Amino acid sequence: MEAKLKPIPLREGTDLSALANEVCADKEPRVLERDGRPVALVLNIDDADERFAKLANSAFSEDWESEADSVFNSL
């Protein structure tokens, strides 16, 4: 069964809305971190494909930063 993405409405003037606008404008994905660990990936919807499945899996490895760099550099 294919998972459905849960939409989250954005209100203008919030930090999350500003981040979404930046990502849409420059097409550069962002990794959100808490305590130095990745917790979420924000990317332009046009760039969401199988390349980011690899990145999501690598985010939990010890060497996630170099793996993420290799995925981003391949875009």
N, C-alpha and C. Protein backbone atom coordinates (compact mmCIF):
# COMPACT_ATOMS: atom_id res chain seq x y z
N MET A 1 0.84 -1.18 0.00
CA MET A 1 0.00 0.00 0.00
C MET A 1 0.88 1.24 0.00
N GLU A 2 0.59 2.16 -0.86
CA GLU A 2 1.37 3.39 -0.98
C GLU A 2 0.95 4.40 0.08
N ALA A 3 1.93 4.98 0.75
CA ALA A 3 1.63 5.98 1.78
C ALA A 3 1.25 7.30 1.13
N LYS A 4 0.30 7.99 1.74
CA LYS A 4 -0.09 9.31 1.26
C LYS A 4 0.60 10.36 2.12
N LEU A 5 1.04 11.41 1.48
CA LEU A 5 1.65 12.51 2.22
C LEU A 5 0.55 13.34 2.86
N LYS A 6 0.77 13.74 4.09
CA LYS A 6 -0.22 14.53 4.81
C LYS A 6 0.04 16.02 4.53
N PRO A 7 -0.90 16.71 3.92
CA PRO A 7 -0.71 18.14 3.65
C PRO A 7 -0.78 18.95 4.95
N ILE A 8 0.05 19.97 5.03
CA ILE A 8 0.06 20.88 6.17
C ILE A 8 -0.14 22.29 5.64
N PRO A 9 -1.27 22.93 5.94
CA PRO A 9 -1.51 24.29 5.46
C PRO A 9 -0.49 25.26 6.08
N LEU A 10 0.01 26.18 5.27
CA LEU A 10 0.95 27.19 5.75
C LEU A 10 0.26 28.54 5.83
N ARG A 11 0.51 29.24 6.92
CA ARG A 11 0.03 30.62 7.04
C ARG A 11 1.19 31.55 6.74
N GLU A 12 0.92 32.56 5.94
CA GLU A 12 1.95 33.56 5.64
C GLU A 12 2.44 34.22 6.92
N GLY A 13 3.71 34.59 6.93
CA GLY A 13 4.27 35.28 8.07
C GLY A 13 4.89 34.36 9.11
N THR A 14 4.86 33.04 8.88
CA THR A 14 5.48 32.11 9.82
C THR A 14 6.87 31.73 9.34
N ASP A 15 7.70 31.23 10.25
CA ASP A 15 9.04 30.77 9.87
C ASP A 15 8.97 29.64 8.85
N LEU A 16 8.04 28.73 9.03
CA LEU A 16 7.91 27.61 8.10
C LEU A 16 7.49 28.08 6.71
N SER A 17 6.61 29.06 6.66
CA SER A 17 6.19 29.61 5.38
C SER A 17 7.36 30.30 4.67
N ALA A 18 8.15 31.03 5.44
CA ALA A 18 9.33 31.70 4.86
C ALA A 18 10.32 30.68 4.33
N LEU A 19 10.53 29.60 5.07
CA LEU A 19 11.43 28.54 4.62
C LEU A 19 10.92 27.90 3.34
N ALA A 20 9.63 27.62 3.28
CA ALA A 20 9.04 27.04 2.08
C ALA A 20 9.21 27.97 0.88
N ASN A 21 9.03 29.26 1.09
CA ASN A 21 9.23 30.22 0.00
C ASN A 21 10.67 30.24 -0.49
N GLU A 22 11.63 30.16 0.44
CA GLU A 22 13.05 30.13 0.06
C GLU A 22 13.37 28.88 -0.76
N VAL A 23 12.88 27.73 -0.30
CA VAL A 23 13.16 26.47 -0.99
C VAL A 23 12.54 26.48 -2.38
N CYS A 24 11.34 27.02 -2.51
CA CYS A 24 10.72 27.10 -3.84
C CYS A 24 11.47 28.05 -4.76
N ALA A 25 11.99 29.12 -4.19
CA ALA A 25 12.67 30.13 -5.01
C ALA A 25 14.04 29.66 -5.49
N ASP A 26 14.84 29.09 -4.60
CA ASP A 26 16.21 28.74 -5.00
C ASP A 26 16.41 27.25 -5.31
N LYS A 27 15.36 26.45 -5.09
CA LYS A 27 15.39 25.02 -5.40
C LYS A 27 16.47 24.25 -4.63
N GLU A 28 16.93 24.82 -3.50
CA GLU A 28 17.96 24.17 -2.68
C GLU A 28 17.31 23.50 -1.48
N PRO A 29 17.42 22.17 -1.37
CA PRO A 29 16.84 21.48 -0.22
C PRO A 29 17.50 21.92 1.08
N ARG A 30 16.75 21.80 2.18
CA ARG A 30 17.27 22.12 3.51
C ARG A 30 17.07 20.91 4.42
N VAL A 31 18.03 20.68 5.30
CA VAL A 31 17.91 19.63 6.31
C VAL A 31 17.66 20.33 7.64
N LEU A 32 16.55 20.00 8.29
CA LEU A 32 16.25 20.55 9.61
C LEU A 32 16.89 19.65 10.66
N GLU A 33 17.59 20.26 11.61
CA GLU A 33 18.29 19.49 12.63
C GLU A 33 17.81 19.86 14.02
N ARG A 34 17.88 18.89 14.91
CA ARG A 34 17.64 19.10 16.33
C ARG A 34 18.78 18.42 17.07
N ASP A 35 19.49 19.18 17.89
CA ASP A 35 20.63 18.64 18.65
C ASP A 35 21.66 17.98 17.73
N GLY A 36 21.88 18.58 16.56
CA GLY A 36 22.89 18.09 15.63
C GLY A 36 22.49 16.86 14.83
N ARG A 37 21.25 16.43 14.95
CA ARG A 37 20.77 15.26 14.20
C ARG A 37 19.68 15.70 13.23
N PRO A 38 19.68 15.18 12.01
CA PRO A 38 18.64 15.53 11.05
C PRO A 38 17.29 14.99 11.48
N VAL A 39 16.26 15.82 11.34
CA VAL A 39 14.90 15.39 11.69
C VAL A 39 13.92 15.52 10.53
N ALA A 40 14.24 16.36 9.56
CA ALA A 40 13.33 16.54 8.42
C ALA A 40 14.08 17.11 7.23
N LEU A 41 13.54 16.85 6.06
CA LEU A 41 14.10 17.37 4.82
C LEU A 41 13.03 18.22 4.16
N VAL A 42 13.39 19.45 3.80
CA VAL A 42 12.47 20.35 3.10
C VAL A 42 13.02 20.53 1.70
N LEU A 43 12.21 20.18 0.70
CA LEU A 43 12.68 20.30 -0.67
C LEU A 43 11.55 20.75 -1.57
N ASN A 44 11.94 21.29 -2.70
CA ASN A 44 10.98 21.70 -3.71
C ASN A 44 10.25 20.46 -4.21
N ILE A 45 8.95 20.52 -4.31
CA ILE A 45 8.16 19.36 -4.69
C ILE A 45 8.56 18.82 -6.07
N ASP A 46 9.05 19.67 -6.94
CA ASP A 46 9.48 19.23 -8.26
C ASP A 46 10.72 18.33 -8.20
N ASP A 47 11.46 18.40 -7.10
CA ASP A 47 12.68 17.61 -6.96
C ASP A 47 12.49 16.33 -6.16
N ALA A 48 11.27 16.06 -5.71
CA ALA A 48 11.00 14.88 -4.89
C ALA A 48 10.95 13.64 -5.78
N ASP A 49 12.00 12.87 -5.79
CA ASP A 49 12.03 11.63 -6.56
C ASP A 49 12.90 10.62 -5.83
N GLU A 50 13.26 9.57 -6.50
CA GLU A 50 13.98 8.48 -5.85
C GLU A 50 15.35 8.88 -5.28
N ARG A 51 15.93 9.98 -5.76
CA ARG A 51 17.22 10.41 -5.21
C ARG A 51 17.11 10.73 -3.73
N PHE A 52 15.96 11.22 -3.29
CA PHE A 52 15.81 11.61 -1.90
C PHE A 52 15.43 10.44 -1.00
N ALA A 53 14.99 9.34 -1.56
CA ALA A 53 14.78 8.14 -0.76
C ALA A 53 16.13 7.70 -0.19
N LYS A 54 17.16 7.75 -1.02
CA LYS A 54 18.50 7.38 -0.56
C LYS A 54 18.96 8.35 0.53
N LEU A 55 18.72 9.61 0.34
CA LEU A 55 19.12 10.61 1.33
C LEU A 55 18.40 10.39 2.66
N ALA A 56 17.11 10.10 2.61
CA ALA A 56 16.36 9.88 3.84
C ALA A 56 16.92 8.70 4.61
N ASN A 57 17.29 7.64 3.90
CA ASN A 57 17.86 6.47 4.57
C ASN A 57 19.24 6.77 5.13
N SER A 58 20.02 7.58 4.43
CA SER A 58 21.37 7.87 4.88
C SER A 58 21.39 8.84 6.06
N ALA A 59 20.30 9.53 6.30
CA ALA A 59 20.26 10.53 7.38
C ALA A 59 20.49 9.91 8.74
N PHE A 60 20.28 8.62 8.85
CA PHE A 60 20.45 7.95 10.14
C PHE A 60 21.79 7.25 10.27
N SER A 61 22.63 7.36 9.27
CA SER A 61 23.95 6.75 9.36
C SER A 61 24.92 7.73 10.02
N GLU A 62 26.05 7.20 10.46
CA GLU A 62 27.06 8.04 11.10
C GLU A 62 27.63 9.07 10.12
N ASP A 63 27.68 8.71 8.85
CA ASP A 63 28.30 9.56 7.84
C ASP A 63 27.24 10.27 6.99
N TRP A 64 26.12 10.66 7.62
CA TRP A 64 25.00 11.21 6.86
C TRP A 64 25.36 12.49 6.13
N GLU A 65 26.25 13.31 6.68
CA GLU A 65 26.56 14.59 6.03
C GLU A 65 27.24 14.38 4.69
N SER A 66 28.22 13.48 4.61
CA SER A 66 28.89 13.27 3.32
C SER A 66 27.96 12.59 2.33
N GLU A 67 27.09 11.69 2.82
CA GLU A 67 26.13 11.06 1.93
C GLU A 67 25.13 12.09 1.41
N ALA A 68 24.68 12.99 2.26
CA ALA A 68 23.75 14.03 1.84
C ALA A 68 24.41 14.94 0.82
N ASP A 69 25.68 15.30 1.05
CA ASP A 69 26.39 16.15 0.10
C ASP A 69 26.45 15.49 -1.27
N SER A 70 26.71 14.19 -1.31
CA SER A 70 26.81 13.51 -2.61
C SER A 70 25.47 13.51 -3.33
N VAL A 71 24.37 13.37 -2.60
CA VAL A 71 23.05 13.40 -3.24
C VAL A 71 22.75 14.81 -3.73
N PHE A 72 22.98 15.83 -2.90
CA PHE A 72 22.71 17.21 -3.32
C PHE A 72 23.57 17.62 -4.50
N ASN A 73 24.82 17.19 -4.51
CA ASN A 73 25.71 17.57 -5.60
C ASN A 73 25.35 16.90 -6.92
N SER A 74 24.57 15.82 -6.85
CA SER A 74 24.16 15.15 -8.08
C SER A 74 22.95 15.79 -8.73
N LEU A 75 22.34 16.79 -8.08
CA LEU A 75 21.14 17.43 -8.65
C LEU A 75 21.49 18.37 -9.76
